[in-house]
N, C-alpha and C. Protein backbone atom coordinates (compact mmCIF):
# COMPACT_ATOMS: atom_id res chain seq x y z
N MET A 1 0.86 -1.14 0.04
CA MET A 1 0.04 -0.08 -0.02
C MET A 1 0.79 1.27 0.05
N ASP A 2 2.03 1.16 0.69
CA ASP A 2 2.93 2.21 0.81
C ASP A 2 3.46 2.69 -0.58
N LEU A 3 3.82 1.68 -1.34
CA LEU A 3 4.34 1.92 -2.67
C LEU A 3 3.33 2.54 -3.59
N GLU A 4 2.10 1.94 -3.50
CA GLU A 4 1.02 2.48 -4.32
C GLU A 4 0.69 3.96 -3.98
N ALA A 5 0.60 4.27 -2.63
CA ALA A 5 0.34 5.59 -2.15
C ALA A 5 1.45 6.54 -2.69
N ARG A 6 2.68 6.16 -2.69
CA ARG A 6 3.79 6.95 -3.10
C ARG A 6 3.74 7.34 -4.67
N SER A 7 3.15 6.45 -5.41
CA SER A 7 3.11 6.66 -6.82
C SER A 7 1.96 7.56 -7.30
N LEU A 8 1.07 7.97 -6.42
CA LEU A 8 -0.02 8.77 -6.93
C LEU A 8 0.31 10.30 -6.93
N GLN A 9 -0.67 11.10 -7.32
CA GLN A 9 -0.45 12.51 -7.38
C GLN A 9 -0.24 13.07 -6.01
N PRO A 10 0.50 14.20 -5.88
CA PRO A 10 0.93 14.79 -4.58
C PRO A 10 -0.28 15.05 -3.65
N ASN A 11 -1.42 15.58 -4.32
CA ASN A 11 -2.57 15.91 -3.38
C ASN A 11 -3.17 14.71 -2.73
N VAL A 12 -3.26 13.54 -3.44
CA VAL A 12 -3.90 12.33 -2.93
C VAL A 12 -2.82 11.60 -2.06
N LYS A 13 -1.60 11.70 -2.48
CA LYS A 13 -0.52 11.00 -1.82
C LYS A 13 -0.42 11.40 -0.37
N ALA A 14 -0.44 12.63 -0.04
CA ALA A 14 -0.32 13.21 1.20
C ALA A 14 -1.32 12.53 2.21
N VAL A 15 -2.58 12.58 1.71
CA VAL A 15 -3.70 12.09 2.53
C VAL A 15 -3.57 10.66 2.83
N LEU A 16 -3.16 9.80 1.79
CA LEU A 16 -3.10 8.39 1.85
C LEU A 16 -1.93 7.95 2.81
N LEU A 17 -0.73 8.79 2.74
CA LEU A 17 0.35 8.39 3.52
C LEU A 17 0.03 8.70 5.00
N ALA A 18 -0.70 9.76 5.28
CA ALA A 18 -1.07 10.13 6.59
C ALA A 18 -1.93 9.03 7.22
N LYS A 19 -2.98 8.49 6.36
CA LYS A 19 -3.85 7.44 6.85
C LYS A 19 -2.87 6.12 7.16
N LEU A 20 -1.99 5.87 6.20
CA LEU A 20 -1.19 4.72 6.36
C LEU A 20 -0.37 4.79 7.58
N ARG A 21 0.24 5.93 7.91
CA ARG A 21 0.98 6.14 9.16
C ARG A 21 0.08 5.92 10.32
N GLU A 22 -1.14 6.43 10.27
CA GLU A 22 -2.10 6.27 11.34
C GLU A 22 -2.37 4.81 11.59
N TYR A 23 -2.64 4.05 10.58
CA TYR A 23 -2.95 2.62 10.67
C TYR A 23 -1.73 1.80 11.11
N LYS A 24 -0.54 2.21 10.77
CA LYS A 24 0.70 1.48 11.30
C LYS A 24 0.75 1.72 12.71
N SER A 25 0.62 3.03 13.23
CA SER A 25 0.73 3.24 14.67
C SER A 25 -0.33 2.62 15.46
N ASP A 26 -1.54 2.48 14.84
CA ASP A 26 -2.65 1.70 15.61
C ASP A 26 -2.21 0.16 15.75
N LEU A 27 -1.69 -0.32 14.55
CA LEU A 27 -1.22 -1.76 14.70
C LEU A 27 -0.19 -1.94 15.68
N ASN A 28 0.80 -1.00 15.70
CA ASN A 28 1.94 -1.08 16.70
C ASN A 28 1.34 -1.00 18.14
N ASN A 29 0.35 -0.14 18.37
CA ASN A 29 -0.27 -0.01 19.75
C ASN A 29 -0.96 -1.29 20.13
N LEU A 30 -1.68 -1.96 19.15
CA LEU A 30 -2.37 -3.17 19.44
C LEU A 30 -1.33 -4.27 19.76
N LYS A 31 -0.24 -4.27 19.01
CA LYS A 31 0.85 -5.31 19.29
C LYS A 31 1.42 -5.17 20.71
N SER A 32 1.70 -3.84 21.08
CA SER A 32 2.24 -3.68 22.42
C SER A 32 1.23 -4.08 23.49
N LYS A 33 -0.12 -3.73 23.28
CA LYS A 33 -1.13 -4.20 24.21
C LYS A 33 -1.28 -5.67 24.27
N HIS A 34 -0.98 -6.33 23.22
CA HIS A 34 -1.10 -7.76 23.21
C HIS A 34 0.09 -8.41 23.95
N LYS A 35 1.15 -7.85 23.78
CA LYS A 35 2.41 -8.27 24.60
C LYS A 35 2.17 -8.09 26.08
N ARG A 36 1.68 -6.84 26.44
CA ARG A 36 1.47 -6.57 27.90
C ARG A 36 0.35 -7.50 28.41
N LEU A 37 -0.66 -7.76 27.74
CA LEU A 37 -1.63 -8.67 28.20
C LEU A 37 -1.14 -10.05 28.25
N ALA A 38 -0.34 -10.49 27.37
CA ALA A 38 0.12 -11.86 27.47
C ALA A 38 1.10 -11.99 28.64
N SER A 39 1.95 -10.99 28.80
CA SER A 39 2.89 -11.16 29.91
C SER A 39 2.16 -10.89 31.38
N ALA A 40 1.13 -10.05 31.25
CA ALA A 40 0.39 -9.90 32.52
C ALA A 40 -0.49 -11.14 32.90
N ASN A 41 -0.97 -11.82 31.85
CA ASN A 41 -1.71 -13.01 32.11
C ASN A 41 -0.76 -14.09 32.62
N SER A 42 0.44 -14.29 32.16
CA SER A 42 1.22 -15.20 32.67
C SER A 42 1.79 -14.98 34.05
N ASN A 43 2.04 -13.62 34.40
CA ASN A 43 2.42 -13.18 35.66
C ASN A 43 1.26 -13.48 36.64
N GLN A 44 0.02 -13.14 36.25
CA GLN A 44 -1.10 -13.27 37.01
C GLN A 44 -1.41 -14.74 37.36
N ALA A 45 -1.23 -15.56 36.43
CA ALA A 45 -1.40 -16.96 36.69
C ALA A 45 -0.44 -17.59 37.68
N ALA A 46 0.83 -17.12 37.64
CA ALA A 46 1.87 -17.56 38.61
C ALA A 46 1.58 -17.02 39.98
N ARG A 47 1.10 -15.72 40.04
CA ARG A 47 0.70 -15.21 41.34
C ARG A 47 -0.48 -15.89 42.07
N ASP A 48 -1.48 -16.20 41.12
CA ASP A 48 -2.68 -16.89 41.59
C ASP A 48 -2.27 -18.28 42.05
N ASP A 49 -1.33 -18.98 41.48
CA ASP A 49 -0.87 -20.23 41.96
C ASP A 49 -0.21 -20.19 43.30
N LEU A 50 0.52 -19.11 43.60
CA LEU A 50 1.26 -18.99 44.77
C LEU A 50 0.31 -18.66 45.90
N LEU A 51 -0.62 -17.69 45.65
CA LEU A 51 -1.50 -17.28 46.69
C LEU A 51 -2.58 -18.34 47.11
N GLU A 52 -3.02 -19.04 46.11
CA GLU A 52 -4.10 -19.92 46.43
C GLU A 52 -3.77 -21.43 46.73
N SER A 53 -2.50 -21.64 46.74
CA SER A 53 -2.07 -23.07 47.02
C SER A 53 -2.50 -23.51 48.43
N GLY A 54 -2.58 -22.56 49.30
CA GLY A 54 -2.91 -23.00 50.71
C GLY A 54 -4.34 -22.95 51.09
N MET A 55 -5.13 -22.33 50.26
CA MET A 55 -6.58 -22.17 50.59
C MET A 55 -7.37 -23.22 49.88
N ALA A 56 -8.24 -23.84 50.72
CA ALA A 56 -9.09 -24.94 49.97
C ALA A 56 -10.19 -24.44 49.17
N ASP A 57 -10.94 -23.43 49.84
CA ASP A 57 -12.07 -22.88 49.06
C ASP A 57 -11.63 -21.95 47.90
N ALA A 58 -10.43 -21.52 47.95
CA ALA A 58 -9.98 -20.65 46.94
C ALA A 58 -9.70 -21.49 45.61
N MET A 59 -9.65 -22.79 45.75
CA MET A 59 -9.46 -23.70 44.56
C MET A 59 -10.58 -23.57 43.53
N SER A 60 -11.80 -23.37 43.97
CA SER A 60 -12.85 -23.18 42.99
C SER A 60 -12.77 -21.89 42.40
N VAL A 61 -12.50 -20.85 43.04
CA VAL A 61 -12.20 -19.47 42.49
C VAL A 61 -11.07 -19.61 41.51
N SER A 62 -9.99 -20.26 41.90
CA SER A 62 -8.88 -20.45 40.99
C SER A 62 -9.29 -21.07 39.76
N ALA A 63 -10.12 -22.13 39.87
CA ALA A 63 -10.58 -22.89 38.68
C ALA A 63 -11.30 -21.94 37.71
N ASN A 64 -12.24 -21.16 38.32
CA ASN A 64 -13.00 -20.24 37.54
C ASN A 64 -12.02 -19.20 36.85
N GLN A 65 -11.08 -18.68 37.62
CA GLN A 65 -10.16 -17.76 37.05
C GLN A 65 -9.39 -18.41 35.91
N ARG A 66 -8.91 -19.56 36.18
CA ARG A 66 -8.18 -20.31 35.17
C ARG A 66 -9.08 -20.51 33.78
N GLY A 67 -10.29 -20.87 34.08
CA GLY A 67 -11.23 -21.04 32.89
C GLY A 67 -11.20 -19.64 32.13
N GLN A 68 -11.52 -18.62 32.94
CA GLN A 68 -11.58 -17.25 32.34
C GLN A 68 -10.29 -16.95 31.63
N LEU A 69 -9.21 -17.26 32.24
CA LEU A 69 -7.90 -16.95 31.71
C LEU A 69 -7.61 -17.78 30.32
N MET A 70 -8.09 -19.01 30.46
CA MET A 70 -8.03 -19.88 29.16
C MET A 70 -8.82 -19.32 28.03
N MET A 71 -10.02 -18.82 28.29
CA MET A 71 -10.96 -18.23 27.33
C MET A 71 -10.32 -16.93 26.86
N SER A 72 -9.76 -16.16 27.72
CA SER A 72 -9.08 -14.92 27.24
C SER A 72 -7.93 -15.29 26.32
N THR A 73 -7.24 -16.24 26.77
CA THR A 73 -5.97 -16.55 25.97
C THR A 73 -6.44 -17.12 24.63
N GLU A 74 -7.51 -17.87 24.63
CA GLU A 74 -7.99 -18.48 23.37
C GLU A 74 -8.44 -17.33 22.39
N ARG A 75 -9.16 -16.38 23.00
CA ARG A 75 -9.56 -15.22 22.15
C ARG A 75 -8.45 -14.40 21.73
N LEU A 76 -7.39 -14.23 22.55
CA LEU A 76 -6.23 -13.53 22.12
C LEU A 76 -5.48 -14.26 20.93
N ASN A 77 -5.39 -15.66 21.09
CA ASN A 77 -4.84 -16.35 20.04
C ASN A 77 -5.63 -16.28 18.67
N GLU A 78 -6.90 -16.27 18.80
CA GLU A 78 -7.77 -16.23 17.60
C GLU A 78 -7.57 -14.82 17.01
N SER A 79 -7.46 -13.76 17.82
CA SER A 79 -7.32 -12.43 17.35
C SER A 79 -5.81 -12.29 16.61
N SER A 80 -4.91 -12.96 17.23
CA SER A 80 -3.54 -12.92 16.64
C SER A 80 -3.62 -13.70 15.29
N ASP A 81 -4.39 -14.81 15.19
CA ASP A 81 -4.48 -15.58 13.89
C ASP A 81 -5.20 -14.73 12.83
N ARG A 82 -6.23 -13.95 13.30
CA ARG A 82 -6.93 -13.06 12.30
C ARG A 82 -6.00 -11.88 11.86
N ILE A 83 -5.19 -11.45 12.75
CA ILE A 83 -4.22 -10.36 12.30
C ILE A 83 -3.34 -10.91 11.37
N LYS A 84 -2.71 -12.08 11.59
CA LYS A 84 -1.85 -12.76 10.69
C LYS A 84 -2.48 -12.94 9.34
N GLU A 85 -3.65 -13.51 9.37
CA GLU A 85 -4.35 -13.68 8.01
C GLU A 85 -4.61 -12.33 7.43
N SER A 86 -5.00 -11.35 8.15
CA SER A 86 -5.26 -9.94 7.48
C SER A 86 -3.90 -9.44 6.85
N ARG A 87 -2.77 -9.67 7.59
CA ARG A 87 -1.51 -9.24 7.08
C ARG A 87 -1.15 -10.01 5.82
N LYS A 88 -1.44 -11.27 5.81
CA LYS A 88 -1.21 -12.05 4.58
C LYS A 88 -2.08 -11.57 3.46
N THR A 89 -3.30 -11.38 3.68
CA THR A 89 -4.23 -10.72 2.63
C THR A 89 -3.74 -9.37 2.25
N MET A 90 -3.28 -8.52 3.05
CA MET A 90 -2.78 -7.32 2.80
C MET A 90 -1.55 -7.40 1.86
N LEU A 91 -0.56 -8.24 2.18
CA LEU A 91 0.55 -8.46 1.30
C LEU A 91 0.20 -8.94 -0.05
N GLU A 92 -0.74 -9.95 -0.13
CA GLU A 92 -1.18 -10.44 -1.42
C GLU A 92 -1.80 -9.35 -2.25
N THR A 93 -2.65 -8.50 -1.62
CA THR A 93 -3.23 -7.35 -2.28
C THR A 93 -2.19 -6.40 -2.78
N GLU A 94 -1.25 -6.15 -1.95
CA GLU A 94 -0.15 -5.15 -2.27
C GLU A 94 0.59 -5.73 -3.51
N GLU A 95 1.02 -7.03 -3.49
CA GLU A 95 1.56 -7.58 -4.67
C GLU A 95 0.71 -7.46 -5.95
N LEU A 96 -0.52 -7.71 -5.84
CA LEU A 96 -1.45 -7.65 -6.95
C LEU A 96 -1.56 -6.16 -7.44
N GLY A 97 -1.54 -5.24 -6.48
CA GLY A 97 -1.58 -3.87 -6.89
C GLY A 97 -0.40 -3.33 -7.66
N VAL A 98 0.86 -3.89 -7.03
CA VAL A 98 2.06 -3.49 -7.80
C VAL A 98 2.08 -4.11 -9.19
N SER A 99 1.59 -5.32 -9.32
CA SER A 99 1.57 -5.98 -10.67
C SER A 99 0.60 -5.21 -11.67
N ILE A 100 -0.55 -4.80 -11.04
CA ILE A 100 -1.46 -4.12 -11.90
C ILE A 100 -0.82 -2.65 -12.31
N LEU A 101 -0.24 -2.00 -11.35
CA LEU A 101 0.48 -0.77 -11.66
C LEU A 101 1.50 -0.95 -12.77
N GLN A 102 2.28 -1.99 -12.72
CA GLN A 102 3.33 -2.24 -13.74
C GLN A 102 2.62 -2.49 -15.18
N ASP A 103 1.54 -3.24 -15.15
CA ASP A 103 0.82 -3.39 -16.43
C ASP A 103 0.20 -2.12 -16.93
N LEU A 104 -0.33 -1.28 -16.04
CA LEU A 104 -0.89 -0.05 -16.53
C LEU A 104 0.28 0.84 -17.08
N HIS A 105 1.43 0.79 -16.41
CA HIS A 105 2.58 1.62 -16.82
C HIS A 105 2.94 1.15 -18.23
N GLN A 106 3.06 -0.12 -18.53
CA GLN A 106 3.43 -0.70 -19.83
C GLN A 106 2.33 -0.26 -20.89
N GLN A 107 1.02 -0.42 -20.57
CA GLN A 107 0.13 0.06 -21.37
C GLN A 107 0.11 1.52 -21.79
N ARG A 108 0.50 2.34 -20.65
CA ARG A 108 0.63 3.80 -20.95
C ARG A 108 1.72 4.07 -21.82
N GLN A 109 2.75 3.25 -21.73
CA GLN A 109 4.01 3.53 -22.51
C GLN A 109 3.58 3.14 -24.00
N SER A 110 2.80 2.03 -24.23
CA SER A 110 2.46 1.66 -25.51
C SER A 110 1.50 2.72 -26.16
N LEU A 111 0.56 3.22 -25.37
CA LEU A 111 -0.31 4.29 -25.92
C LEU A 111 0.36 5.56 -26.20
N LEU A 112 1.36 5.99 -25.43
CA LEU A 112 2.21 7.13 -25.80
C LEU A 112 3.00 6.90 -27.03
N HIS A 113 3.60 5.71 -27.21
CA HIS A 113 4.32 5.35 -28.42
C HIS A 113 3.40 5.35 -29.64
N ALA A 114 2.15 4.84 -29.50
CA ALA A 114 1.24 4.87 -30.62
C ALA A 114 0.82 6.30 -30.97
N ASN A 115 0.61 7.12 -29.92
CA ASN A 115 0.32 8.53 -30.14
C ASN A 115 1.38 9.24 -30.84
N ASP A 116 2.65 9.05 -30.48
CA ASP A 116 3.81 9.61 -31.15
C ASP A 116 3.83 9.16 -32.64
N THR A 117 3.64 7.92 -32.86
CA THR A 117 3.69 7.38 -34.24
C THR A 117 2.50 7.99 -35.00
N LEU A 118 1.37 8.07 -34.49
CA LEU A 118 0.27 8.70 -35.08
C LEU A 118 0.47 10.24 -35.55
N HIS A 119 1.22 10.90 -34.56
CA HIS A 119 1.51 12.26 -34.93
C HIS A 119 2.54 12.32 -36.05
N GLY A 120 3.45 11.36 -36.12
CA GLY A 120 4.44 11.38 -37.19
C GLY A 120 3.83 11.04 -38.52
N VAL A 121 2.84 10.13 -38.49
CA VAL A 121 2.09 9.75 -39.77
C VAL A 121 1.27 11.07 -40.15
N ASP A 122 0.66 11.68 -39.22
CA ASP A 122 -0.15 12.86 -39.53
C ASP A 122 0.76 13.96 -40.15
N ASP A 123 1.99 14.17 -39.68
CA ASP A 123 2.89 15.10 -40.28
C ASP A 123 3.34 14.72 -41.67
N ASN A 124 3.51 13.39 -41.84
CA ASN A 124 3.87 12.89 -43.19
C ASN A 124 2.71 13.04 -44.22
N ILE A 125 1.59 12.87 -43.72
CA ILE A 125 0.30 13.04 -44.61
C ILE A 125 0.23 14.54 -45.02
N SER A 126 0.48 15.44 -44.02
CA SER A 126 0.41 16.92 -44.36
C SER A 126 1.43 17.18 -45.35
N LYS A 127 2.60 16.75 -45.19
CA LYS A 127 3.71 17.04 -46.14
C LYS A 127 3.39 16.43 -47.52
N SER A 128 2.85 15.30 -47.54
CA SER A 128 2.45 14.69 -48.78
C SER A 128 1.35 15.55 -49.50
N LYS A 129 0.46 15.98 -48.83
CA LYS A 129 -0.68 16.71 -49.29
C LYS A 129 -0.11 18.09 -49.94
N LYS A 130 0.79 18.71 -49.19
CA LYS A 130 1.45 19.90 -49.75
C LYS A 130 2.16 19.56 -51.06
N ILE A 131 2.91 18.53 -51.09
CA ILE A 131 3.70 18.09 -52.30
C ILE A 131 2.73 17.88 -53.48
N LEU A 132 1.62 17.12 -53.16
CA LEU A 132 0.67 16.80 -54.26
C LEU A 132 -0.04 18.14 -54.75
N THR A 133 -0.35 19.03 -53.93
CA THR A 133 -0.95 20.26 -54.15
C THR A 133 0.09 21.07 -55.16
N ASN A 134 1.32 21.13 -54.75
CA ASN A 134 2.25 21.84 -55.58
C ASN A 134 2.48 21.09 -56.92
N MET A 135 2.48 19.89 -56.95
CA MET A 135 2.60 19.12 -58.27
C MET A 135 1.38 19.44 -59.13
N SER A 136 0.17 19.47 -58.59
CA SER A 136 -1.04 19.71 -59.28
C SER A 136 -1.01 21.12 -59.95
N ARG A 137 -0.49 22.08 -59.12
CA ARG A 137 -0.46 23.47 -59.59
C ARG A 137 0.64 23.54 -60.73
N ARG A 138 1.79 22.96 -60.57
CA ARG A 138 2.81 22.83 -61.63
C ARG A 138 2.23 22.26 -62.93
N MET A 139 1.49 21.09 -62.76
CA MET A 139 0.89 20.43 -63.94
C MET A 139 -0.08 21.43 -64.56
N SER A 140 -0.87 22.01 -63.85
CA SER A 140 -1.81 23.02 -64.55
C SER A 140 -1.10 24.25 -65.13
N ARG A 141 -0.09 24.71 -64.53
CA ARG A 141 0.79 25.74 -65.13
C ARG A 141 1.39 25.23 -66.38
N ASN A 142 2.03 24.10 -66.28
CA ASN A 142 2.70 23.49 -67.44
C ASN A 142 1.68 23.21 -68.66
N LYS A 143 0.46 22.83 -68.36
CA LYS A 143 -0.60 22.72 -69.42
C LYS A 143 -0.93 24.12 -70.01
N TRP A 144 -1.10 25.09 -69.28
CA TRP A 144 -1.28 26.46 -69.77
C TRP A 144 -0.14 26.99 -70.68
N ILE A 145 1.07 26.66 -70.17
CA ILE A 145 2.16 27.04 -70.94
C ILE A 145 2.25 26.33 -72.26
N ILE A 146 2.11 25.00 -72.33
CA ILE A 146 2.23 24.25 -73.51
C ILE A 146 0.95 24.75 -74.45
N SER A 147 -0.16 24.85 -73.86
CA SER A 147 -1.40 25.31 -74.68
C SER A 147 -1.03 26.73 -75.36
N SER A 148 -0.40 27.46 -74.50
CA SER A 148 -0.07 28.85 -75.12
C SER A 148 0.89 28.74 -76.25
N ILE A 149 1.88 27.91 -75.99
CA ILE A 149 2.96 27.68 -77.07
C ILE A 149 2.29 27.05 -78.29
N ILE A 150 1.43 26.13 -78.13
CA ILE A 150 0.73 25.49 -79.39
C ILE A 150 -0.04 26.63 -79.98
N VAL A 151 -0.78 27.41 -79.27
CA VAL A 151 -1.66 28.57 -79.84
C VAL A 151 -0.76 29.37 -80.68
N VAL A 152 0.41 29.84 -80.00
CA VAL A 152 1.26 30.71 -80.63
C VAL A 152 1.94 30.12 -81.97
N LEU A 153 2.19 28.79 -81.87
CA LEU A 153 2.75 28.16 -83.12
C LEU A 153 1.72 27.99 -84.21
N VAL A 154 0.49 27.68 -83.74
CA VAL A 154 -0.58 27.58 -84.77
C VAL A 154 -0.82 29.01 -85.47
N VAL A 155 -0.85 30.01 -84.58
CA VAL A 155 -1.02 31.32 -85.16
C VAL A 155 0.11 31.65 -86.07
N ALA A 156 1.30 31.38 -85.62
CA ALA A 156 2.51 31.62 -86.42
C ALA A 156 2.47 30.88 -87.78
N ILE A 157 2.09 29.67 -87.80
CA ILE A 157 1.97 28.85 -88.98
C ILE A 157 0.81 29.36 -89.86
N ALA A 158 -0.23 29.85 -89.28
CA ALA A 158 -1.29 30.36 -90.03
C ALA A 158 -0.84 31.63 -90.72
N LEU A 159 -0.11 32.51 -90.01
CA LEU A 159 0.32 33.75 -90.59
C LEU A 159 1.34 33.50 -91.72
N ILE A 160 2.24 32.45 -91.38
CA ILE A 160 3.16 32.17 -92.49
C ILE A 160 2.45 31.59 -93.71
N LEU A 161 1.43 30.94 -93.54
CA LEU A 161 0.80 30.29 -94.69
C LEU A 161 -0.08 31.47 -95.47
N TYR A 162 -0.57 32.23 -94.62
CA TYR A 162 -1.32 33.37 -95.19
C TYR A 162 -0.40 34.27 -96.10
N PHE A 163 0.68 34.53 -95.50
CA PHE A 163 1.66 35.46 -96.28
C PHE A 163 2.18 34.68 -97.54
N LYS A 164 2.52 33.55 -97.40
CA LYS A 164 2.98 32.73 -98.47
C LYS A 164 1.88 32.56 -99.56
N LEU A 165 0.83 32.17 -99.21
CA LEU A 165 -0.30 32.04 -100.12
C LEU A 165 -0.85 33.32 -100.86
N SER A 166 -0.74 34.42 -100.02
CA SER A 166 -1.29 35.68 -100.61
C SER A 166 -0.28 36.34 -101.39
N LYS A 167 0.97 35.93 -101.53
CA LYS A 167 1.94 36.57 -102.46
C LYS A 167 2.00 35.92 -103.77
């Protein structure tokens, strides 16, 4: 999650990193509470054993407390297992997210390359269009020049024939 948050835009990145730090501190607090409770429970059990060893009717109280202690320990172990499973799921999700981000990066690069190629083709088409337009103009101009020369030659031949035949 940390990697994903760092790769986002700065305005979103700051918010997500703050939340991530908050979640990490909450997790550390829960871990420290878990350690304290586990050590307190083991110290409490040893103390209860010492204090209740001489008392006969305290044995039933001790059994009840042991039962409660066992239930608490069982709940604590279940919570620890859930935390481990959540952590495993989080790591798998993070790996999947990194993989998706890499795929998206590759697709982005492909799209940018295609865009650049398209702009190159567009430029080439524009140049080709200009060349064809210039060629068409030259062809029209050359047709007019040739037509003009033919007309001038025909007129010249007609004048020459007229002067030769009229003499």
